[in-house]
Amino acid sequence: MSLFDLERELTQSGKKQIAAEVPELIRRKQDEIYAALAEMGGGARPGIDRQRKKAGKIAAAASVAALIAVLGSGFVSPAMAQTMKQIPVVGGIFKLADELGLRTAEEQGLVSNPEAYDEHDGTVLKIREVVFDGTLLSFSLQREGGDFHGGISDYKEVRSGGESKIVYEKGAIKDAEMFVDGVAMKSFPGAYRPDLTWEPSADDDAVLFHVFNNSNGSVPNSTHLPDEFSLTLKITLEGFKDPFVITLPVHKQADRVTVTSGERKTWNGLSMTVKELEFSPVSTILRLEVHADHEWTDAEKGNLLFEVVGSNGEKGNQIGGKGIYPDRKTVAFDIVLDRFKEAPESVTIKPFMPVFANPDATFGGYALDENGEIRKHFMQELNMTVPVDRSRIDQLYRLQ
């Protein structure tokens, strides 16, 4: 589709548009673009060449804003959708992330932009944004070029003869390996190494990676991310023979406030101890230990969960985490949450067991309430509230 055709379809689609509420994600993209337009319009008058470049940027951003408005209305033809996929997200992936911590990192200038990349057969994988607060490492990966019909994280599950397998779209991520200072993290046991995960983003051609640091690197045969290191990623895409290899420097970019607790409660054969809470402008980390008077069963291991609530009633948004079993009766949890919107005066930890859709089951689908949330059986006798220094956390959150 040519630019002329794109403009014509935008005009025609605009005439067809009916009054409707614009989805939140679409509205957020528009706001980012309009903010960029305002920034482009200010400042002293540059030379003629710079004026032309600026005018081009403003026109392009305005076109994207109009295009996003049409997308929100639902009137998008296949040809127009294909053209739209080639328009990059304005302002980066972090600014459009659901996680407040990533948006805060962008606002506070904690994000580095290494633009590290690798290229195969006209397709480029590029790391655009990185932030590391010592415990949570997050970065965005952008796919550019290539003739792909699906997103970089697209796959589907195909069932046949009682078995299922994962089928990836061409150009989608099949596997990702991480190396720290040249050492493969896969060479360490799963519970004693940093965990690498990825998820879709607001851009079909980009994904968000998270690496959860291992909290205890002193355990034999374990490893821990230092404050500065060289990160190498080896990423395999469907349809490509060789993996993409990207190397970049990483360094800690945010301060943390650590609250040591040690508070303990015992009930019904379980003893729970809150070890510590960590706060940064990007994330919140809860570390606790639960000891049972019996060996943990497989059903118990996967079904003891926690709700974390700030003193103002705000529920913590869990990003990830893991459990480590030092012995058969003890589990140590590292729970990674998004930062709170406002600094709390205390944090309450509420352990619970999820309710299954089948009352007799110990695994499978969960029962949902009228709001679509998992039904929870809380262990109120183990609830614990940990006081924190609100002023110190508030300084982290409001750092400019």
Protein backbone atom coordinates (compact mmCIF):
# COMPACT_ATOMS: atom_id res chain seq x y z
CA MET A 1 0.00 0.00 0.00
CA SER A 2 1.41 3.41 -1.01
CA LEU A 3 1.37 6.47 1.25
CA PHE A 4 -1.34 7.94 -0.99
CA ASP A 5 -3.49 4.84 -0.63
CA LEU A 6 -2.87 4.81 3.12
CA GLU A 7 -3.97 8.44 3.45
CA ARG A 8 -7.06 7.78 1.31
CA GLU A 9 -8.07 4.77 3.40
CA LEU A 10 -7.52 6.75 6.59
CA THR A 11 -9.89 9.42 5.27
CA GLN A 12 -12.50 6.90 4.18
CA SER A 13 -12.23 4.98 7.45
CA GLY A 14 -12.61 8.22 9.39
CA LYS A 15 -15.89 8.92 7.59
CA LYS A 16 -17.17 5.48 8.55
CA GLN A 17 -16.14 5.80 12.19
CA ILE A 18 -18.93 5.80 14.74
CA ALA A 19 -18.81 7.32 18.22
CA ALA A 20 -17.17 4.81 20.54
CA GLU A 21 -14.87 4.79 23.51
CA VAL A 22 -11.22 4.42 22.51
CA PRO A 23 -9.57 1.42 24.23
CA GLU A 24 -7.09 2.33 26.99
CA LEU A 25 -4.04 0.96 25.16
CA ILE A 26 -4.96 2.88 21.99
CA ARG A 27 -5.54 6.06 23.99
CA ARG A 28 -2.17 5.65 25.71
CA LYS A 29 -0.41 5.34 22.36
CA GLN A 30 -2.16 8.48 21.14
CA ASP A 31 -1.16 10.40 24.26
CA GLU A 32 2.47 9.39 23.77
CA ILE A 33 2.42 10.62 20.19
CA TYR A 34 0.71 13.91 21.03
CA ALA A 35 3.29 14.51 23.77
CA ALA A 36 6.04 13.89 21.23
CA LEU A 37 4.38 16.37 18.86
CA ALA A 38 4.43 19.01 21.60
CA GLU A 39 8.13 18.42 22.25
CA MET A 40 8.92 18.62 18.54
CA GLY A 41 7.16 21.99 18.24
CA GLY A 42 9.20 23.83 20.90
CA GLY A 43 12.68 25.31 21.12
CA ALA A 44 14.67 27.83 19.09
CA ARG A 45 14.37 27.94 15.32
CA PRO A 46 16.97 25.65 13.73
CA GLY A 47 18.38 25.82 10.21
CA ILE A 48 16.30 25.07 7.11
CA ASP A 49 17.45 21.44 6.88
CA ARG A 50 16.57 20.82 10.52
CA GLN A 51 13.19 22.48 10.01
CA ARG A 52 12.45 20.11 7.14
CA LYS A 53 13.48 17.09 9.20
CA LYS A 54 11.36 18.25 12.12
CA ALA A 55 8.38 18.87 9.84
CA GLY A 56 8.76 15.35 8.48
CA LYS A 57 8.83 13.91 11.98
CA ILE A 58 5.75 15.89 13.02
CA ALA A 59 3.83 14.83 9.89
CA ALA A 60 4.80 11.20 10.40
CA ALA A 61 3.81 11.28 14.08
CA ALA A 62 0.50 12.96 13.25
CA SER A 63 -0.22 10.29 10.64
CA VAL A 64 0.51 7.57 13.15
CA ALA A 65 -1.82 9.26 15.68
CA ALA A 66 -4.60 9.33 13.08
CA LEU A 67 -3.88 5.73 12.17
CA ILE A 68 -4.11 4.63 15.78
CA ALA A 69 -7.45 6.42 16.12
CA VAL A 70 -8.80 4.43 13.17
CA LEU A 71 -7.41 1.24 14.69
CA GLY A 72 -9.37 1.98 17.84
CA SER A 73 -12.56 2.21 15.83
CA GLY A 74 -12.14 -1.26 14.35
CA PHE A 75 -12.28 -0.13 10.67
CA VAL A 76 -8.99 -1.56 9.41
CA SER A 77 -8.60 -3.43 6.13
CA PRO A 78 -6.00 -6.23 5.77
CA ALA A 79 -3.83 -4.06 3.50
CA MET A 80 -3.96 -1.18 5.94
CA ALA A 81 -3.17 -3.48 8.88
CA GLN A 82 -0.08 -4.78 7.07
CA THR A 83 1.11 -1.19 6.47
CA MET A 84 0.45 -0.31 10.09
CA LYS A 85 2.64 -3.15 11.34
CA GLN A 86 5.61 -1.48 9.67
CA ILE A 87 5.19 1.74 11.68
CA PRO A 88 7.38 1.61 14.83
CA VAL A 89 5.98 2.38 18.27
CA VAL A 90 6.74 5.99 19.15
CA GLY A 91 8.77 6.54 22.33
CA GLY A 92 9.80 2.96 23.01
CA ILE A 93 8.19 -0.17 24.41
CA PHE A 94 8.68 0.71 28.10
CA LYS A 95 6.46 3.79 27.80
CA LEU A 96 3.56 1.60 26.68
CA ALA A 97 4.16 -1.27 29.13
CA ASP A 98 1.50 -2.34 31.61
CA GLU A 99 4.15 -2.29 34.36
CA LEU A 100 4.37 1.02 36.20
CA GLY A 101 8.00 0.28 37.08
CA LEU A 102 9.08 0.29 33.44
CA ARG A 103 7.21 3.50 32.71
CA THR A 104 8.78 5.06 35.82
CA ALA A 105 12.26 3.95 34.74
CA GLU A 106 11.71 5.69 31.41
CA GLU A 107 10.49 8.89 33.10
CA GLN A 108 13.35 8.97 35.62
CA GLY A 109 16.08 8.43 33.05
CA LEU A 110 17.08 5.01 34.41
CA VAL A 111 16.83 3.34 30.99
CA SER A 112 19.85 2.82 28.76
CA ASN A 113 19.48 2.53 24.98
CA PRO A 114 22.29 0.30 23.72
CA GLU A 115 20.83 -0.35 20.23
CA ALA A 116 22.74 -3.66 20.24
CA TYR A 117 21.64 -5.91 17.38
CA ASP A 118 22.30 -8.85 15.07
CA GLU A 119 21.08 -9.40 11.51
CA HIS A 120 20.31 -12.48 9.41
CA ASP A 121 18.88 -12.49 5.88
CA GLY A 122 17.54 -8.95 6.12
CA THR A 123 15.93 -9.42 9.54
CA VAL A 124 17.31 -7.47 12.49
CA LEU A 125 16.85 -8.19 16.18
CA LYS A 126 17.66 -5.15 18.28
CA ILE A 127 17.71 -4.49 22.02
CA ARG A 128 16.34 -0.96 22.37
CA GLU A 129 15.85 -0.39 26.12
CA VAL A 130 17.47 -1.83 29.24
CA VAL A 131 16.97 -1.23 32.97
CA PHE A 132 18.52 -3.20 35.86
CA ASP A 133 17.81 -2.42 39.52
CA GLY A 134 20.02 -5.18 40.92
CA THR A 135 17.23 -7.76 41.19
CA LEU A 136 15.07 -7.30 38.10
CA LEU A 137 16.63 -6.89 34.65
CA SER A 138 14.18 -5.82 31.93
CA PHE A 139 14.81 -5.11 28.26
CA SER A 140 12.85 -4.80 25.03
CA LEU A 141 13.70 -6.73 21.88
CA GLN A 142 12.54 -5.36 18.51
CA ARG A 143 12.25 -7.30 15.25
CA GLU A 144 12.78 -5.27 12.07
CA GLY A 145 12.59 -6.24 8.41
CA GLY A 146 11.52 -9.59 6.98
CA ASP A 147 8.21 -10.70 5.50
CA PHE A 148 6.28 -12.05 8.47
CA HIS A 149 2.55 -12.53 8.94
CA GLY A 150 2.68 -13.14 12.70
CA GLY A 151 4.13 -11.39 15.72
CA ILE A 152 7.52 -12.16 17.22
CA SER A 153 5.87 -13.99 20.14
CA ASP A 154 3.08 -15.75 18.20
CA TYR A 155 2.54 -19.49 18.45
CA LYS A 156 -0.34 -21.93 18.65
CA GLU A 157 -0.95 -25.27 20.27
CA VAL A 158 -1.94 -28.05 17.87
CA ARG A 159 -3.58 -31.20 19.22
CA SER A 160 -3.54 -34.49 17.36
CA GLY A 161 -4.22 -38.03 18.57
CA GLY A 162 -4.36 -37.01 22.20
CA GLU A 163 -1.02 -35.24 21.99
CA SER A 164 -0.23 -31.56 21.58
CA LYS A 165 2.69 -29.60 20.21
CA ILE A 166 3.62 -25.95 19.89
CA VAL A 167 3.77 -24.48 16.38
CA TYR A 168 5.56 -21.16 15.99
CA GLU A 169 4.83 -18.53 13.38
CA LYS A 170 7.69 -17.76 11.00
CA GLY A 171 9.95 -15.20 12.67
CA ALA A 172 8.67 -15.97 16.19
CA ILE A 173 10.98 -16.68 19.13
CA LYS A 174 11.46 -20.41 19.71
CA ASP A 175 14.22 -20.25 22.29
CA ALA A 176 16.44 -17.78 24.12
CA GLU A 177 19.68 -18.49 25.99
CA MET A 178 21.47 -16.11 28.33
CA PHE A 179 25.19 -15.80 28.99
CA VAL A 180 26.66 -13.64 31.77
CA ASP A 181 30.29 -12.67 31.24
CA GLY A 182 30.46 -15.55 28.77
CA VAL A 183 29.04 -18.18 31.16
CA ALA A 184 25.84 -19.97 30.10
CA MET A 185 23.11 -19.70 32.73
CA LYS A 186 21.72 -23.06 31.62
CA SER A 187 24.79 -24.72 33.10
CA PHE A 188 23.40 -24.03 36.59
CA PRO A 189 20.39 -25.78 38.20
CA GLY A 190 17.08 -24.08 37.47
CA ALA A 191 16.40 -22.91 41.03
CA TYR A 192 19.89 -21.48 41.48
CA ARG A 193 20.28 -19.26 38.42
CA PRO A 194 18.65 -16.06 37.13
CA ASP A 195 15.33 -16.80 35.42
CA LEU A 196 14.80 -15.54 31.86
CA THR A 197 11.24 -15.01 30.62
CA TRP A 198 9.58 -12.98 27.85
CA GLU A 199 6.10 -11.76 27.05
CA PRO A 200 4.27 -9.88 24.27
CA SER A 201 4.33 -6.10 24.22
CA ALA A 202 2.18 -3.35 22.70
CA ASP A 203 4.07 -3.91 19.43
CA ASP A 204 3.60 -7.22 17.58
CA ASP A 205 7.25 -7.04 16.49
CA ALA A 206 8.62 -6.52 20.01
CA VAL A 207 8.76 -8.48 23.26
CA LEU A 208 9.59 -7.63 26.87
CA PHE A 209 12.24 -9.76 28.55
CA HIS A 210 12.56 -10.08 32.32
CA VAL A 211 15.46 -11.66 34.19
CA PHE A 212 14.85 -12.36 37.89
CA ASN A 213 18.14 -12.42 39.75
CA ASN A 214 19.00 -15.33 42.00
CA SER A 215 18.91 -13.93 45.55
CA ASN A 216 21.62 -16.17 46.98
CA GLY A 217 24.77 -16.70 44.95
CA SER A 218 26.64 -18.24 47.89
CA VAL A 219 24.87 -21.60 47.57
CA PRO A 220 27.14 -24.22 45.93
CA ASN A 221 26.60 -24.62 42.17
CA SER A 222 24.63 -21.37 41.91
CA THR A 223 25.15 -18.01 40.24
CA HIS A 224 24.05 -14.42 40.82
CA LEU A 225 23.98 -11.38 38.54
CA PRO A 226 26.61 -8.82 39.64
CA ASP A 227 25.98 -5.07 39.53
CA GLU A 228 27.88 -4.87 36.22
CA PHE A 229 28.33 -7.58 33.60
CA SER A 230 28.38 -8.40 29.91
CA LEU A 231 25.07 -9.92 28.75
CA THR A 232 24.92 -12.13 25.67
CA LEU A 233 21.63 -13.39 24.25
CA LYS A 234 21.34 -16.23 21.76
CA ILE A 235 17.86 -16.08 20.25
CA THR A 236 16.40 -18.67 17.87
CA LEU A 237 13.62 -17.59 15.49
CA GLU A 238 11.35 -19.97 13.61
CA GLY A 239 12.47 -20.26 9.98
CA PHE A 240 16.10 -19.22 10.61
CA LYS A 241 18.96 -21.71 10.54
CA ASP A 242 21.35 -19.78 12.79
CA PRO A 243 20.53 -18.02 16.07
CA PHE A 244 20.80 -14.27 16.52
CA VAL A 245 23.58 -13.35 18.98
CA ILE A 246 23.49 -9.98 20.75
CA THR A 247 26.00 -8.76 23.35
CA LEU A 248 25.72 -5.62 25.47
CA PRO A 249 26.97 -4.18 28.75
CA VAL A 250 24.58 -4.07 31.73
CA HIS A 251 24.98 -2.10 34.94
CA LYS A 252 22.77 -1.44 37.94
CA GLN A 253 20.83 1.78 37.40
CA ALA A 254 18.57 2.17 40.45
CA ASP A 255 18.93 2.38 44.23
CA ARG A 256 17.02 0.08 46.54
CA VAL A 257 15.56 0.24 50.03
CA THR A 258 15.74 -3.07 51.91
CA VAL A 259 13.48 -3.78 54.90
CA THR A 260 14.56 -6.76 57.02
CA SER A 261 11.75 -8.36 58.99
CA GLY A 262 12.13 -11.82 60.53
CA GLU A 263 8.50 -11.80 61.69
CA ARG A 264 7.12 -15.31 62.01
CA LYS A 265 3.70 -16.95 62.39
CA THR A 266 2.68 -20.59 62.83
CA TRP A 267 -0.67 -22.23 62.04
CA ASN A 268 -1.96 -25.68 61.12
CA GLY A 269 1.49 -27.24 60.69
CA LEU A 270 2.94 -24.34 58.70
CA SER A 271 5.46 -21.80 59.91
CA MET A 272 5.92 -18.67 57.75
CA THR A 273 8.78 -16.20 58.16
CA VAL A 274 9.07 -12.93 56.24
CA LYS A 275 12.76 -12.43 55.48
CA GLU A 276 12.84 -9.06 53.73
CA LEU A 277 11.19 -6.63 51.37
CA GLU A 278 13.09 -4.68 48.71
CA PHE A 279 11.82 -1.54 47.00
CA SER A 280 13.16 0.25 43.93
CA PRO A 281 11.58 2.67 41.45
CA VAL A 282 11.14 -0.35 39.15
CA SER A 283 10.14 -3.33 41.31
CA THR A 284 9.18 -4.73 44.71
CA ILE A 285 10.72 -7.97 45.97
CA LEU A 286 9.30 -10.13 48.75
CA ARG A 287 11.43 -12.89 50.24
CA LEU A 288 9.88 -15.32 52.71
CA GLU A 289 10.25 -18.89 53.92
CA VAL A 290 7.59 -21.46 54.77
CA HIS A 291 8.40 -24.56 56.83
CA ALA A 292 5.93 -27.46 57.12
CA ASP A 293 5.77 -30.19 59.78
CA HIS A 294 5.61 -32.70 56.92
CA GLU A 295 7.20 -33.20 53.52
CA TRP A 296 5.67 -30.98 50.85
CA THR A 297 3.44 -32.83 48.40
CA ASP A 298 3.49 -31.97 44.69
CA ALA A 299 0.02 -30.44 45.02
CA GLU A 300 1.12 -28.21 47.92
CA LYS A 301 4.30 -27.06 46.18
CA GLY A 302 2.49 -25.46 43.28
CA ASN A 303 -0.55 -24.11 45.09
CA LEU A 304 0.71 -21.98 47.97
CA LEU A 305 0.42 -18.41 46.69
CA PHE A 306 0.52 -14.92 48.17
CA GLU A 307 -1.37 -11.67 47.85
CA VAL A 308 0.69 -8.59 48.72
CA VAL A 309 -1.21 -5.43 49.73
CA GLY A 310 0.07 -1.95 50.56
CA SER A 311 -1.28 0.07 53.49
CA ASN A 312 -3.45 2.12 51.11
CA GLY A 313 -5.17 -1.03 49.85
CA GLU A 314 -3.20 -1.30 46.61
CA LYS A 315 -2.61 -4.92 45.57
CA GLY A 316 0.87 -5.75 44.32
CA ASN A 317 1.03 -6.79 40.67
CA GLN A 318 3.14 -9.93 40.52
CA ILE A 319 5.60 -10.09 37.61
CA GLY A 320 7.26 -13.39 38.47
CA GLY A 321 9.22 -15.27 41.09
CA LYS A 322 10.30 -18.73 42.14
CA GLY A 323 10.45 -21.18 45.01
CA ILE A 324 13.59 -22.98 46.17
CA TYR A 325 13.43 -26.12 48.28
CA PRO A 326 16.50 -26.38 50.53
CA ASP A 327 14.98 -29.51 52.08
CA ARG A 328 11.77 -31.51 51.73
CA LYS A 329 9.94 -29.55 54.43
CA THR A 330 11.03 -26.00 53.57
CA VAL A 331 10.41 -23.67 50.64
CA ALA A 332 12.04 -20.25 50.18
CA PHE A 333 10.05 -17.86 47.98
CA ASP A 334 11.37 -14.95 45.92
CA ILE A 335 8.32 -13.00 44.69
CA VAL A 336 8.87 -10.22 42.13
CA LEU A 337 6.17 -7.54 41.92
CA ASP A 338 5.75 -4.26 40.09
CA ARG A 339 6.43 -1.13 42.15
CA PHE A 340 3.52 0.37 44.08
CA LYS A 341 1.84 3.49 42.72
CA GLU A 342 2.37 5.21 46.05
CA ALA A 343 4.86 4.48 48.80
CA PRO A 344 3.13 2.41 51.52
CA GLU A 345 3.56 2.71 55.28
CA SER A 346 3.31 -1.06 55.62
CA VAL A 347 2.91 -4.16 53.48
CA THR A 348 0.59 -7.07 54.32
CA ILE A 349 1.35 -10.60 53.09
CA LYS A 350 -1.72 -12.82 52.74
CA PRO A 351 -1.04 -16.49 51.88
CA PHE A 352 -3.77 -18.41 50.10
CA MET A 353 -4.56 -21.58 48.17
CA PRO A 354 -6.41 -21.17 44.85
CA VAL A 355 -9.81 -22.87 44.50
CA PHE A 356 -10.01 -25.31 41.58
CA ALA A 357 -12.93 -25.46 39.18
CA ASN A 358 -13.20 -29.15 40.05
CA PRO A 359 -13.50 -29.25 43.87
CA ASP A 360 -11.84 -32.69 44.00
CA ALA A 361 -8.83 -31.66 41.86
CA THR A 362 -5.34 -30.66 43.03
CA PHE A 363 -4.34 -29.24 39.66
CA GLY A 364 -6.00 -27.89 36.54
CA GLY A 365 -8.28 -24.89 35.94
CA TYR A 366 -9.09 -22.48 38.74
CA ALA A 367 -12.56 -21.42 39.79
CA LEU A 368 -13.31 -17.78 39.00
CA ASP A 369 -15.48 -15.22 40.76
CA GLU A 370 -17.97 -12.81 39.15
CA ASN A 371 -15.09 -10.46 38.22
CA GLY A 372 -13.10 -13.18 36.47
CA GLU A 373 -10.57 -13.36 39.32
CA ILE A 374 -9.27 -16.59 40.82
CA ARG A 375 -11.22 -17.71 43.87
CA LYS A 376 -8.90 -17.84 46.85
CA HIS A 377 -8.91 -19.70 50.15
CA PHE A 378 -6.97 -17.36 52.45
CA MET A 379 -5.02 -18.58 55.47
CA GLN A 380 -5.82 -15.54 57.61
CA GLU A 381 -4.00 -16.94 60.62
CA LEU A 382 -0.72 -16.53 58.70
CA ASN A 383 -1.32 -12.95 57.53
CA MET A 384 1.54 -10.64 58.43
CA THR A 385 1.94 -6.87 58.19
CA VAL A 386 5.46 -5.46 57.87
CA PRO A 387 5.98 -1.75 58.64
CA VAL A 388 8.27 0.13 56.23
CA ASP A 389 9.86 3.59 56.09
CA ARG A 390 7.48 5.37 53.77
CA SER A 391 9.63 8.50 53.41
CA ARG A 392 12.64 6.55 52.08
CA ILE A 393 10.53 4.65 49.56
CA ASP A 394 8.78 7.87 48.54
CA GLN A 395 12.20 9.39 47.75
CA LEU A 396 12.92 6.46 45.43
CA TYR A 397 9.56 6.74 43.70
CA ARG A 398 9.81 10.51 43.21
CA LEU A 399 13.43 10.67 42.10
CA GLN A 400 13.76 12.99 39.14
